Amino acid sequence: MLNAENMKDAELRRLAWRCRRGMLELDIVLQRFIALHFNDLTLAQLKAFDDLLDLPDNDFWTLVSNDKIMPKDADILDVVNKIRALKQVH
């Protein structure tokens, strides 16, 4: 039976799988992000995060690790800032 909870679990598993990256630092930060923030993201932020996952590892890491780069889209910026905050916490 398909219900909202099953769909949420499926989306969590799909995004968690997409967070597995070749770059260890990015992999760790993204897995932490999913674990801590998935339930709090709006649909727009989930879409923004999914779009960010399309970036190559080096581009994604540059975006996350360089505080001077500010995405223009508000939802992407919110997601990037949440990821940046997790990068600071080891």
C-alpha atoms as a PDB file:
ATOM      1  CA  MET A   1       0.000   0.000   0.000  1.00  0.00           C
ATOM      2  CA  LEU A   2       1.381   3.362  -1.011  1.00  0.00           C
ATOM      3  CA  ASN A   3       0.952   6.115   1.543  1.00  0.00           C
ATOM      4  CA  ALA A   4       2.703   9.335   2.518  1.00  0.00           C
ATOM      5  CA  GLU A   5       4.971   7.602   5.052  1.00  0.00           C
ATOM      6  CA  ASN A   6       6.101   4.996   2.497  1.00  0.00           C
ATOM      7  CA  MET A   7       6.761   7.724  -0.051  1.00  0.00           C
ATOM      8  CA  LYS A   8       8.779   9.696   2.497  1.00  0.00           C
ATOM      9  CA  ASP A   9      10.846   6.626   3.372  1.00  0.00           C
ATOM     10  CA  ALA A  10      11.435   5.886  -0.311  1.00  0.00           C
ATOM     11  CA  GLU A  11      12.554   9.476  -0.944  1.00  0.00           C
ATOM     12  CA  LEU A  12      14.885   9.347   2.073  1.00  0.00           C
ATOM     13  CA  ARG A  13      16.491   6.129   0.778  1.00  0.00           C
ATOM     14  CA  ARG A  14      16.798   7.556  -2.750  1.00  0.00           C
ATOM     15  CA  LEU A  15      18.460  10.777  -1.562  1.00  0.00           C
ATOM     16  CA  ALA A  16      20.708   8.924   0.898  1.00  0.00           C
ATOM     17  CA  TRP A  17      21.890   6.738  -1.981  1.00  0.00           C
ATOM     18  CA  ARG A  18      22.562   9.806  -4.163  1.00  0.00           C
ATOM     19  CA  CYS A  19      24.617  11.287  -1.296  1.00  0.00           C
ATOM     20  CA  ARG A  20      27.159   8.488  -1.637  1.00  0.00           C
ATOM     21  CA  ARG A  21      29.979  10.242  -3.404  1.00  0.00           C
ATOM     22  CA  GLY A  22      33.484   9.509  -4.599  1.00  0.00           C
ATOM     23  CA  MET A  23      34.868  12.344  -2.485  1.00  0.00           C
ATOM     24  CA  LEU A  24      34.954  11.153   1.138  1.00  0.00           C
ATOM     25  CA  GLU A  25      34.597  14.615   2.685  1.00  0.00           C
ATOM     26  CA  LEU A  26      31.491  15.331   0.631  1.00  0.00           C
ATOM     27  CA  ASP A  27      30.070  11.873   1.306  1.00  0.00           C
ATOM     28  CA  ILE A  28      30.390  12.366   5.070  1.00  0.00           C
ATOM     29  CA  VAL A  29      28.852  15.847   5.098  1.00  0.00           C
ATOM     30  CA  LEU A  30      25.953  14.847   2.845  1.00  0.00           C
ATOM     31  CA  GLN A  31      25.147  11.702   4.822  1.00  0.00           C
ATOM     32  CA  ARG A  32      25.136  13.814   7.993  1.00  0.00           C
ATOM     33  CA  PHE A  33      22.904  16.389   6.280  1.00  0.00           C
ATOM     34  CA  ILE A  34      20.351  13.750   5.286  1.00  0.00           C
ATOM     35  CA  ALA A  35      20.354  12.235   8.774  1.00  0.00           C
ATOM     36  CA  LEU A  36      19.859  15.569  10.530  1.00  0.00           C
ATOM     37  CA  HIS A  37      17.804  17.683   8.139  1.00  0.00           C
ATOM     38  CA  PHE A  38      15.737  15.471   5.833  1.00  0.00           C
ATOM     39  CA  ASN A  39      12.579  15.687   7.952  1.00  0.00           C
ATOM     40  CA  ASP A  40      12.800  19.480   8.223  1.00  0.00           C
ATOM     41  CA  LEU A  41      13.208  20.289   4.526  1.00  0.00           C
ATOM     42  CA  THR A  42      10.394  21.854   2.536  1.00  0.00           C
ATOM     43  CA  LEU A  43       9.461  20.372  -0.830  1.00  0.00           C
ATOM     44  CA  ALA A  44      11.270  23.259  -2.527  1.00  0.00           C
ATOM     45  CA  GLN A  45      14.401  22.579  -0.453  1.00  0.00           C
ATOM     46  CA  LEU A  46      14.201  18.853  -1.265  1.00  0.00           C
ATOM     47  CA  LYS A  47      14.055  19.742  -4.953  1.00  0.00           C
ATOM     48  CA  ALA A  48      16.984  22.140  -4.530  1.00  0.00           C
ATOM     49  CA  PHE A  49      18.995  19.448  -2.739  1.00  0.00           C
ATOM     50  CA  ASP A  50      18.184  16.923  -5.454  1.00  0.00           C
ATOM     51  CA  ASP A  51      19.383  19.448  -8.057  1.00  0.00           C
ATOM     52  CA  LEU A  52      22.598  20.013  -6.096  1.00  0.00           C
ATOM     53  CA  LEU A  53      23.240  16.273  -6.128  1.00  0.00           C
ATOM     54  CA  ASP A  54      23.513  16.494  -9.921  1.00  0.00           C
ATOM     55  CA  LEU A  55      26.717  18.537  -9.543  1.00  0.00           C
ATOM     56  CA  PRO A  56      30.071  16.810  -9.984  1.00  0.00           C
ATOM     57  CA  ASP A  57      31.827  16.182  -6.663  1.00  0.00           C
ATOM     58  CA  ASN A  58      34.480  18.865  -7.122  1.00  0.00           C
ATOM     59  CA  ASP A  59      31.910  21.538  -8.026  1.00  0.00           C
ATOM     60  CA  PHE A  60      29.642  20.534  -5.148  1.00  0.00           C
ATOM     61  CA  TRP A  61      32.538  20.560  -2.667  1.00  0.00           C
ATOM     62  CA  THR A  62      33.683  23.983  -3.898  1.00  0.00           C
ATOM     63  CA  LEU A  63      30.174  25.328  -3.370  1.00  0.00           C
ATOM     64  CA  VAL A  64      29.950  23.835   0.118  1.00  0.00           C
ATOM     65  CA  SER A  65      33.430  24.778   1.253  1.00  0.00           C
ATOM     66  CA  ASN A  66      33.623  28.329  -0.130  1.00  0.00           C
ATOM     67  CA  ASP A  67      31.511  30.727   1.942  1.00  0.00           C
ATOM     68  CA  LYS A  68      32.067  33.454  -0.635  1.00  0.00           C
ATOM     69  CA  ILE A  69      29.991  31.600  -3.233  1.00  0.00           C
ATOM     70  CA  MET A  70      26.346  32.505  -2.699  1.00  0.00           C
ATOM     71  CA  PRO A  71      23.762  30.783  -4.891  1.00  0.00           C
ATOM     72  CA  LYS A  72      21.044  33.157  -6.118  1.00  0.00           C
ATOM     73  CA  ASP A  73      18.160  30.707  -5.586  1.00  0.00           C
ATOM     74  CA  ALA A  74      16.876  31.055  -1.991  1.00  0.00           C
ATOM     75  CA  ASP A  75      16.093  27.344  -1.545  1.00  0.00           C
ATOM     76  CA  ILE A  76      19.498  26.275  -2.837  1.00  0.00           C
ATOM     77  CA  LEU A  77      21.146  28.859  -0.591  1.00  0.00           C
ATOM     78  CA  ASP A  78      19.220  27.541   2.443  1.00  0.00           C
ATOM     79  CA  VAL A  79      20.326  23.977   1.706  1.00  0.00           C
ATOM     80  CA  VAL A  80      23.929  24.991   1.029  1.00  0.00           C
ATOM     81  CA  ASN A  81      24.063  26.961   4.292  1.00  0.00           C
ATOM     82  CA  LYS A  82      22.769  23.948   6.246  1.00  0.00           C
ATOM     83  CA  ILE A  83      25.429  21.767   4.627  1.00  0.00           C
ATOM     84  CA  ARG A  84      28.127  24.384   5.295  1.00  0.00           C
ATOM     85  CA  ALA A  85      27.176  24.430   8.970  1.00  0.00           C
ATOM     86  CA  LEU A  86      27.619  20.654   9.150  1.00  0.00           C
ATOM     87  CA  LYS A  87      30.991  20.890   7.444  1.00  0.00           C
ATOM     88  CA  GLN A  88      32.200  22.976  10.372  1.00  0.00           C
ATOM     89  CA  VAL A  89      31.157  20.286  12.886  1.00  0.00           C
ATOM     90  CA  HIS A  90      33.377  17.221  12.858  1.00  0.00           C
END
